[in-house]
PDB file of N, CA and C in Angstrom:
ATOM      1  N   MET A   1      15.497   4.675  14.186  1.00  0.00           N
ATOM      2  CA  MET A   1      15.143   3.573  13.328  1.00  0.00           C
ATOM      3  C   MET A   1      15.131   2.297  14.177  1.00  0.00           C
ATOM      4  N   LYS A   2      14.113   1.464  13.988  1.00  0.00           N
ATOM      5  CA  LYS A   2      13.984   0.229  14.745  1.00  0.00           C
ATOM      6  C   LYS A   2      14.567  -0.934  13.959  1.00  0.00           C
ATOM      7  N   ASN A   3      15.073  -1.904  14.675  1.00  0.00           N
ATOM      8  CA  ASN A   3      15.506  -3.158  14.069  1.00  0.00           C
ATOM      9  C   ASN A   3      14.337  -4.118  14.063  1.00  0.00           C
ATOM     10  N   VAL A   4      14.229  -4.886  12.985  1.00  0.00           N
ATOM     11  CA  VAL A   4      13.159  -5.866  12.833  1.00  0.00           C
ATOM     12  C   VAL A   4      13.807  -7.217  12.554  1.00  0.00           C
ATOM     13  N   THR A   5      13.323  -8.243  13.217  1.00  0.00           N
ATOM     14  CA  THR A   5      13.825  -9.590  12.984  1.00  0.00           C
ATOM     15  C   THR A   5      12.759 -10.380  12.239  1.00  0.00           C
ATOM     16  N   LEU A   6      13.143 -10.975  11.136  1.00  0.00           N
ATOM     17  CA  LEU A   6      12.222 -11.766  10.317  1.00  0.00           C
ATOM     18  C   LEU A   6      12.747 -13.183  10.188  1.00  0.00           C
ATOM     19  N   SER A   7      11.847 -14.102   9.926  1.00  0.00           N
ATOM     20  CA  SER A   7      12.237 -15.485   9.650  1.00  0.00           C
ATOM     21  C   SER A   7      11.847 -15.813   8.222  1.00  0.00           C
ATOM     22  N   ALA A   8      12.760 -16.450   7.494  1.00  0.00           N
ATOM     23  CA  ALA A   8      12.481 -16.848   6.118  1.00  0.00           C
ATOM     24  C   ALA A   8      13.397 -18.001   5.750  1.00  0.00           C
ATOM     25  N   ASP A   9      13.020 -18.703   4.707  1.00  0.00           N
ATOM     26  CA  ASP A   9      13.805 -19.823   4.204  1.00  0.00           C
ATOM     27  C   ASP A   9      15.187 -19.333   3.747  1.00  0.00           C
ATOM     28  N   ASP A  10      16.226 -20.084   4.075  1.00  0.00           N
ATOM     29  CA  ASP A  10      17.596 -19.693   3.717  1.00  0.00           C
ATOM     30  C   ASP A  10      17.757 -19.458   2.217  1.00  0.00           C
ATOM     31  N   ASP A  11      17.166 -20.344   1.414  1.00  0.00           N
ATOM     32  CA  ASP A  11      17.281 -20.191  -0.042  1.00  0.00           C
ATOM     33  C   ASP A  11      16.603 -18.916  -0.523  1.00  0.00           C
ATOM     34  N   LEU A  12      15.468 -18.599   0.062  1.00  0.00           N
ATOM     35  CA  LEU A  12      14.744 -17.389  -0.319  1.00  0.00           C
ATOM     36  C   LEU A  12      15.541 -16.143   0.037  1.00  0.00           C
ATOM     37  N   ILE A  13      16.166 -16.150   1.197  1.00  0.00           N
ATOM     38  CA  ILE A  13      17.000 -15.011   1.608  1.00  0.00           C
ATOM     39  C   ILE A  13      18.171 -14.851   0.648  1.00  0.00           C
ATOM     40  N   GLU A  14      18.798 -15.940   0.263  1.00  0.00           N
ATOM     41  CA  GLU A  14      19.929 -15.863  -0.666  1.00  0.00           C
ATOM     42  C   GLU A  14      19.496 -15.317  -2.021  1.00  0.00           C
ATOM     43  N   LEU A  15      18.343 -15.773  -2.522  1.00  0.00           N
ATOM     44  CA  LEU A  15      17.831 -15.241  -3.792  1.00  0.00           C
ATOM     45  C   LEU A  15      17.539 -13.749  -3.682  1.00  0.00           C
ATOM     46  N   ALA A  16      16.996 -13.334  -2.545  1.00  0.00           N
ATOM     47  CA  ALA A  16      16.706 -11.916  -2.341  1.00  0.00           C
ATOM     48  C   ALA A  16      17.996 -11.104  -2.285  1.00  0.00           C
ATOM     49  N   ARG A  17      19.016 -11.635  -1.640  1.00  0.00           N
ATOM     50  CA  ARG A  17      20.315 -10.942  -1.598  1.00  0.00           C
ATOM     51  C   ARG A  17      20.894 -10.784  -3.002  1.00  0.00           C
ATOM     52  N   GLN A  18      20.792 -11.840  -3.809  1.00  0.00           N
ATOM     53  CA  GLN A  18      21.306 -11.784  -5.182  1.00  0.00           C
ATOM     54  C   GLN A  18      20.563 -10.739  -6.001  1.00  0.00           C
ATOM     55  N   ARG A  19      19.244 -10.698  -5.845  1.00  0.00           N
ATOM     56  CA  ARG A  19      18.454  -9.707  -6.589  1.00  0.00           C
ATOM     57  C   ARG A  19      18.816  -8.288  -6.148  1.00  0.00           C
ATOM     58  N   ALA A  20      18.947  -8.088  -4.846  1.00  0.00           N
ATOM     59  CA  ALA A  20      19.325  -6.768  -4.341  1.00  0.00           C
ATOM     60  C   ALA A  20      20.706  -6.370  -4.860  1.00  0.00           C
ATOM     61  N   LYS A  21      21.631  -7.323  -4.866  1.00  0.00           N
ATOM     62  CA  LYS A  21      22.984  -7.035  -5.358  1.00  0.00           C
ATOM     63  C   LYS A  21      22.953  -6.643  -6.830  1.00  0.00           C
ATOM     64  N   ALA A  22      22.118  -7.323  -7.616  1.00  0.00           N
ATOM     65  CA  ALA A  22      21.990  -6.996  -9.043  1.00  0.00           C
ATOM     66  C   ALA A  22      21.450  -5.582  -9.231  1.00  0.00           C
ATOM     67  N   GLN A  23      20.710  -5.097  -8.250  1.00  0.00           N
ATOM     68  CA  GLN A  23      20.167  -3.737  -8.304  1.00  0.00           C
ATOM     69  C   GLN A  23      21.061  -2.737  -7.578  1.00  0.00           C
ATOM     70  N   HIS A  24      22.279  -3.197  -7.208  1.00  0.00           N
ATOM     71  CA  HIS A  24      23.258  -2.357  -6.512  1.00  0.00           C
ATOM     72  C   HIS A  24      22.702  -1.832  -5.190  1.00  0.00           C
ATOM     73  N   LYS A  25      22.049  -2.732  -4.437  1.00  0.00           N
ATOM     74  CA  LYS A  25      21.477  -2.391  -3.145  1.00  0.00           C
ATOM     75  C   LYS A  25      21.841  -3.479  -2.149  1.00  0.00           C
ATOM     76  N   THR A  26      21.682  -3.161  -0.888  1.00  0.00           N
ATOM     77  CA  THR A  26      21.764  -4.198   0.131  1.00  0.00           C
ATOM     78  C   THR A  26      20.356  -4.754   0.325  1.00  0.00           C
ATOM     79  N   LEU A  27      20.277  -5.912   0.961  1.00  0.00           N
ATOM     80  CA  LEU A  27      18.970  -6.484   1.249  1.00  0.00           C
ATOM     81  C   LEU A  27      18.193  -5.565   2.191  1.00  0.00           C
ATOM     82  N   ASN A  28      18.885  -4.919   3.119  1.00  0.00           N
ATOM     83  CA  ASN A  28      18.222  -3.962   4.012  1.00  0.00           C
ATOM     84  C   ASN A  28      17.614  -2.799   3.239  1.00  0.00           C
ATOM     85  N   GLN A  29      18.354  -2.256   2.270  1.00  0.00           N
ATOM     86  CA  GLN A  29      17.821  -1.156   1.465  1.00  0.00           C
ATOM     87  C   GLN A  29      16.586  -1.602   0.692  1.00  0.00           C
ATOM     88  N   ALA A  30      16.661  -2.781   0.081  1.00  0.00           N
ATOM     89  CA  ALA A  30      15.531  -3.298  -0.688  1.00  0.00           C
ATOM     90  C   ALA A  30      14.318  -3.508   0.219  1.00  0.00           C
ATOM     91  N   PHE A  31      14.552  -4.033   1.416  1.00  0.00           N
ATOM     92  CA  PHE A  31      13.448  -4.244   2.349  1.00  0.00           C
ATOM     93  C   PHE A  31      12.828  -2.921   2.782  1.00  0.00           C
ATOM     94  N   ARG A  32      13.666  -1.924   3.068  1.00  0.00           N
ATOM     95  CA  ARG A  32      13.133  -0.617   3.465  1.00  0.00           C
ATOM     96  C   ARG A  32      12.275  -0.018   2.355  1.00  0.00           C
ATOM     97  N   GLU A  33      12.730  -0.153   1.095  1.00  0.00           N
ATOM     98  CA  GLU A  33      11.935   0.355  -0.031  1.00  0.00           C
ATOM     99  C   GLU A  33      10.603  -0.379  -0.122  1.00  0.00           C
ATOM    100  N   TRP A  34      10.652  -1.718   0.028  1.00  0.00           N
ATOM    101  CA  TRP A  34       9.424  -2.487  -0.031  1.00  0.00           C
ATOM    102  C   TRP A  34       8.480  -2.079   1.099  1.00  0.00           C
ATOM    103  N   LEU A  35       9.011  -1.936   2.315  1.00  0.00           N
ATOM    104  CA  LEU A  35       8.187  -1.580   3.464  1.00  0.00           C
ATOM    105  C   LEU A  35       7.542  -0.211   3.260  1.00  0.00           C
ATOM    106  N   HIS A  36       8.285   0.716   2.715  1.00  0.00           N
ATOM    107  CA  HIS A  36       7.752   2.048   2.430  1.00  0.00           C
ATOM    108  C   HIS A  36       6.610   1.961   1.426  1.00  0.00           C
ATOM    109  N   SER A  37       6.798   1.212   0.342  1.00  0.00           N
ATOM    110  CA  SER A  37       5.746   1.099  -0.668  1.00  0.00           C
ATOM    111  C   SER A  37       4.537   0.328  -0.139  1.00  0.00           C
ATOM    112  N   TYR A  38       4.771  -0.607   0.768  1.00  0.00           N
ATOM    113  CA  TYR A  38       3.680  -1.371   1.366  1.00  0.00           C
ATOM    114  C   TYR A  38       2.875  -0.508   2.334  1.00  0.00           C
ATOM    115  N   ALA A  39       3.571   0.278   3.126  1.00  0.00           N
ATOM    116  CA  ALA A  39       2.910   1.097   4.134  1.00  0.00           C
ATOM    117  C   ALA A  39       2.263   2.346   3.543  1.00  0.00           C
ATOM    118  N   ARG A  40       2.849   2.876   2.489  1.00  0.00           N
ATOM    119  CA  ARG A  40       2.345   4.105   1.865  1.00  0.00           C
ATOM    120  C   ARG A  40       2.166   3.880   0.366  1.00  0.00           C
ATOM    121  N   PRO A  41       1.041   3.279  -0.019  1.00  0.00           N
ATOM    122  CA  PRO A  41       0.823   3.022  -1.450  1.00  0.00           C
ATOM    123  C   PRO A  41       0.884   4.319  -2.266  1.00  0.00           C
ATOM    124  N   THR A  42       1.401   4.220  -3.465  1.00  0.00           N
ATOM    125  CA  THR A  42       1.547   5.391  -4.331  1.00  0.00           C
ATOM    126  C   THR A  42       0.445   5.397  -5.390  1.00  0.00           C
ATOM    127  N   ASN A  43       0.425   6.455  -6.164  1.00  0.00           N
ATOM    128  CA  ASN A  43      -0.546   6.500  -7.247  1.00  0.00           C
ATOM    129  C   ASN A  43       0.038   5.824  -8.492  1.00  0.00           C
ATOM    130  N   ALA A  44      -0.764   5.659  -9.514  1.00  0.00           N
ATOM    131  CA  ALA A  44      -0.364   4.916 -10.711  1.00  0.00           C
ATOM    132  C   ALA A  44       0.829   5.567 -11.420  1.00  0.00           C
ATOM    133  N   LEU A  45       0.875   6.889 -11.482  1.00  0.00           N
ATOM    134  CA  LEU A  45       1.984   7.575 -12.148  1.00  0.00           C
ATOM    135  C   LEU A  45       3.295   7.302 -11.435  1.00  0.00           C
ATOM    136  N   GLU A  46       3.291   7.358 -10.118  1.00  0.00           N
ATOM    137  CA  GLU A  46       4.504   7.066  -9.357  1.00  0.00           C
ATOM    138  C   GLU A  46       4.921   5.612  -9.547  1.00  0.00           C
ATOM    139  N   ASP A  47       3.942   4.693  -9.611  1.00  0.00           N
ATOM    140  CA  ASP A  47       4.250   3.288  -9.863  1.00  0.00           C
ATOM    141  C   ASP A  47       4.912   3.124 -11.222  1.00  0.00           C
ATOM    142  N   TYR A  48       4.371   3.809 -12.233  1.00  0.00           N
ATOM    143  CA  TYR A  48       4.909   3.729 -13.589  1.00  0.00           C
ATOM    144  C   TYR A  48       6.336   4.280 -13.637  1.00  0.00           C
ATOM    145  N   GLU A  49       6.550   5.428 -13.013  1.00  0.00           N
ATOM    146  CA  GLU A  49       7.885   6.029 -13.004  1.00  0.00           C
ATOM    147  C   GLU A  49       8.880   5.119 -12.280  1.00  0.00           C
ATOM    148  N   GLY A  50       8.468   4.511 -11.193  1.00  0.00           N
ATOM    149  CA  GLY A  50       9.326   3.589 -10.456  1.00  0.00           C
ATOM    150  C   GLY A  50       9.677   2.367 -11.285  1.00  0.00           C
ATOM    151  N   LEU A  51       8.699   1.842 -12.012  1.00  0.00           N
ATOM    152  CA  LEU A  51       8.955   0.694 -12.874  1.00  0.00           C
ATOM    153  C   LEU A  51       9.925   1.054 -13.985  1.00  0.00           C
ATOM    154  N   LYS A  52       9.788   2.247 -14.563  1.00  0.00           N
ATOM    155  CA  LYS A  52      10.726   2.694 -15.599  1.00  0.00           C
ATOM    156  C   LYS A  52      12.144   2.755 -15.046  1.00  0.00           C
ATOM    157  N   ARG A  53      12.299   3.288 -13.827  1.00  0.00           N
ATOM    158  CA  ARG A  53      13.630   3.352 -13.213  1.00  0.00           C
ATOM    159  C   ARG A  53      14.171   1.944 -12.955  1.00  0.00           C
ATOM    160  N   GLU A  54      13.321   1.077 -12.449  1.00  0.00           N
ATOM    161  CA  GLU A  54      13.751  -0.282 -12.111  1.00  0.00           C
ATOM    162  C   GLU A  54      14.156  -1.074 -13.350  1.00  0.00           C
ATOM    163  N   LEU A  55      13.483  -0.829 -14.473  1.00  0.00           N
ATOM    164  CA  LEU A  55      13.768  -1.576 -15.698  1.00  0.00           C
ATOM    165  C   LEU A  55      14.637  -0.789 -16.669  1.00  0.00           C
ATOM    166  N   GLY A  56      15.279   0.263 -16.199  1.00  0.00           N
ATOM    167  CA  GLY A  56      16.100   1.112 -17.054  1.00  0.00           C
ATOM    168  C   GLY A  56      17.261   0.387 -17.707  1.00  0.00           C
ATOM    169  N   TYR A  57      17.670  -0.736 -17.159  1.00  0.00           N
ATOM    170  CA  TYR A  57      18.796  -1.496 -17.709  1.00  0.00           C
ATOM    171  C   TYR A  57      18.408  -2.297 -18.949  1.00  0.00           C
ATOM    172  N   VAL A  58      17.119  -2.471 -19.208  1.00  0.00           N
ATOM    173  CA  VAL A  58      16.663  -3.285 -20.336  1.00  0.00           C
ATOM    174  C   VAL A  58      16.840  -2.499 -21.633  1.00  0.00           C
ATOM    175  N   LYS A  59      17.510  -3.103 -22.592  1.00  0.00           N
ATOM    176  CA  LYS A  59      17.725  -2.479 -23.901  1.00  0.00           C
ATOM    177  C   LYS A  59      17.210  -3.406 -24.993  1.00  0.00           C
ATOM    178  N   ALA A  60      16.479  -2.862 -25.946  1.00  0.00           N
ATOM    179  CA  ALA A  60      15.926  -3.657 -27.040  1.00  0.00           C
ATOM    180  C   ALA A  60      16.996  -4.009 -28.069  1.00  0.00           C
ATOM    181  N   GLY A  61      18.072  -3.260 -28.110  1.00  0.00           N
ATOM    182  CA  GLY A  61      19.146  -3.540 -29.055  1.00  0.00           C
ATOM    183  C   GLY A  61      19.079  -2.690 -30.308  1.00  0.00           C
ATOM    184  N   ARG A  62      17.892  -2.188 -30.596  1.00  0.00           N
ATOM    185  CA  ARG A  62      17.733  -1.331 -31.774  1.00  0.00           C
ATOM    186  C   ARG A  62      16.397  -0.615 -31.691  1.00  0.00           C
ATOM    187  N   ARG A  63      16.202   0.354 -32.591  1.00  0.00           N
ATOM    188  CA  ARG A  63      14.902   1.032 -32.672  1.00  0.00           C
ATOM    189  C   ARG A  63      13.995   0.218 -33.588  1.00  0.00           C
ATOM    190  N   PHE A  64      12.738   0.099 -33.207  1.00  0.00           N
ATOM    191  CA  PHE A  64      11.773  -0.622 -34.023  1.00  0.00           C
ATOM    192  C   PHE A  64      11.018   0.358 -34.912  1.00  0.00           C
ATOM    193  N   THR A  65      10.642  -0.109 -36.099  1.00  0.00           N
ATOM    194  CA  THR A  65       9.853   0.734 -36.999  1.00  0.00           C
ATOM    195  C   THR A  65       8.424   0.810 -36.477  1.00  0.00           C
ATOM    196  N   ARG A  66       7.697   1.775 -36.977  1.00  0.00           N
ATOM    197  CA  ARG A  66       6.302   1.928 -36.582  1.00  0.00           C
ATOM    198  C   ARG A  66       5.510   0.665 -36.906  1.00  0.00           C
ATOM    199  N   GLU A  67       5.765   0.103 -38.089  1.00  0.00           N
ATOM    200  CA  GLU A  67       5.064  -1.115 -38.493  1.00  0.00           C
ATOM    201  C   GLU A  67       5.363  -2.285 -37.550  1.00  0.00           C
ATOM    202  N   GLU A  68       6.634  -2.407 -37.141  1.00  0.00           N
ATOM    203  CA  GLU A  68       7.012  -3.484 -36.223  1.00  0.00           C
ATOM    204  C   GLU A  68       6.321  -3.326 -34.862  1.00  0.00           C
ATOM    205  N   MET A  69       6.227  -2.092 -34.397  1.00  0.00           N
ATOM    206  CA  MET A  69       5.603  -1.865 -33.093  1.00  0.00           C
ATOM    207  C   MET A  69       4.100  -2.115 -33.139  1.00  0.00           C
ATOM    208  N   ASN A  70       3.495  -1.972 -34.324  1.00  0.00           N
ATOM    209  CA  ASN A  70       2.046  -2.156 -34.439  1.00  0.00           C
ATOM    210  C   ASN A  70       1.648  -3.556 -34.890  1.00  0.00           C
ATOM    211  N   GLU A  71       2.617  -4.430 -35.134  1.00  0.00           N
ATOM    212  CA  GLU A  71       2.291  -5.811 -35.506  1.00  0.00           C
ATOM    213  C   GLU A  71       1.608  -6.511 -34.351  1.00  0.00           C
ATOM    214  N   ARG A  72       0.728  -7.413 -34.709  1.00  0.00           N
ATOM    215  CA  ARG A  72       0.026  -8.170 -33.639  1.00  0.00           C
ATOM    216  C   ARG A  72       0.287  -9.627 -33.793  1.00  0.00           C
TER     217      ARG A  72
END
């Protein structure tokens, strides 16, 4: 594995660290995942499954009725 040195704004790095921590990852882990997805684009199904995993913490608080889900 190679080491990579990047330059970025201190505030941006801190925000990225906070986001990674909220996802129970290190900034290095988050960067490796991003680099993998950037270098090897996935298909739409894999993107959808990844988004479901990433947003798995979101809870609506209750089940919605069919009518509520179809309201516009």
